[in-house]
Amino acid sequence: MFSKIRKAAVRLRGACRQDAGMVTSEYAMGIIAAVAFAMLLYKVVNSGQVQAELQAIVKRALGARM
């Protein structure tokens, strides 16, 4: 009886170990996409209008009365 349970557990473990991860090329593409998004976000945040808005928000926060 124990051997039947053990064999079923081994089969179940084998079925659950299917490769569901990314391969190296997918990691590389993911990193490239993340870097491109970071560069775009950096450009947007460093634009004049956004910097002015962020500075205004910080000034209002620091000047708020409590």
Protein backbone atom coordinates (compact mmCIF):
# COMPACT_ATOMS: atom_id res chain seq x y z
CA MET A 1 0.00 0.00 0.00
CA PHE A 2 2.77 2.44 0.94
CA SER A 3 4.57 1.77 -2.34
CA LYS A 4 1.45 2.70 -4.34
CA ILE A 5 1.15 6.00 -2.48
CA ARG A 6 4.84 6.67 -2.98
CA LYS A 7 4.60 5.98 -6.74
CA ALA A 8 1.59 8.28 -7.02
CA ALA A 9 3.45 11.01 -5.14
CA VAL A 10 6.47 10.65 -7.46
CA ARG A 11 4.21 10.91 -10.53
CA LEU A 12 2.45 13.93 -9.07
CA ARG A 13 5.76 15.65 -8.29
CA GLY A 14 6.95 14.99 -11.83
CA ALA A 15 3.78 16.46 -13.29
CA CYS A 16 4.09 19.58 -11.12
CA ARG A 17 7.69 20.20 -12.13
CA GLN A 18 6.90 21.39 -15.62
CA ASP A 19 9.04 24.30 -16.71
CA ALA A 20 6.89 27.38 -16.29
CA GLY A 21 9.69 29.95 -15.98
CA MET A 22 11.32 32.25 -18.48
CA VAL A 23 14.32 31.30 -20.56
CA THR A 24 17.40 33.49 -20.89
CA SER A 25 16.18 35.31 -23.99
CA GLU A 26 12.90 36.15 -22.24
CA TYR A 27 14.83 37.52 -19.26
CA ALA A 28 16.91 39.65 -21.62
CA MET A 29 13.80 41.03 -23.33
CA GLY A 30 12.21 41.72 -19.96
CA ILE A 31 15.29 43.61 -18.79
CA ILE A 32 15.41 45.63 -22.01
CA ALA A 33 11.74 46.54 -21.64
CA ALA A 34 12.25 47.54 -18.00
CA VAL A 35 15.24 49.72 -18.87
CA ALA A 36 13.34 51.38 -21.72
CA PHE A 37 10.42 52.11 -19.39
CA ALA A 38 12.80 53.49 -16.75
CA MET A 39 14.43 55.76 -19.34
CA LEU A 40 11.04 57.04 -20.48
CA LEU A 41 9.96 57.69 -16.91
CA TYR A 42 13.25 59.47 -16.19
CA LYS A 43 12.74 61.74 -19.22
CA VAL A 44 9.18 62.57 -18.17
CA VAL A 45 10.12 63.31 -14.55
CA ASN A 46 13.05 65.49 -15.62
CA SER A 47 10.98 67.56 -18.04
CA GLY A 48 10.48 71.19 -17.08
CA GLN A 49 6.74 71.08 -16.55
CA VAL A 50 6.80 67.99 -14.35
CA GLN A 51 9.68 69.36 -12.26
CA ALA A 52 7.78 72.60 -11.73
CA GLU A 53 4.68 70.68 -10.63
CA LEU A 54 6.70 68.49 -8.25
CA GLN A 55 8.39 71.54 -6.74
CA ALA A 56 5.01 73.21 -6.26
CA ILE A 57 3.69 70.12 -4.49
CA VAL A 58 6.72 70.01 -2.17
CA LYS A 59 6.44 73.75 -1.43
CA ARG A 60 2.74 73.38 -0.58
CA ALA A 61 3.49 70.38 1.64
CA LEU A 62 6.26 72.20 3.48
CA GLY A 63 4.19 75.37 3.84
CA ALA A 64 1.08 73.61 5.16
CA ARG A 65 -0.09 74.60 8.64
CA MET A 66 -0.78 71.89 11.12
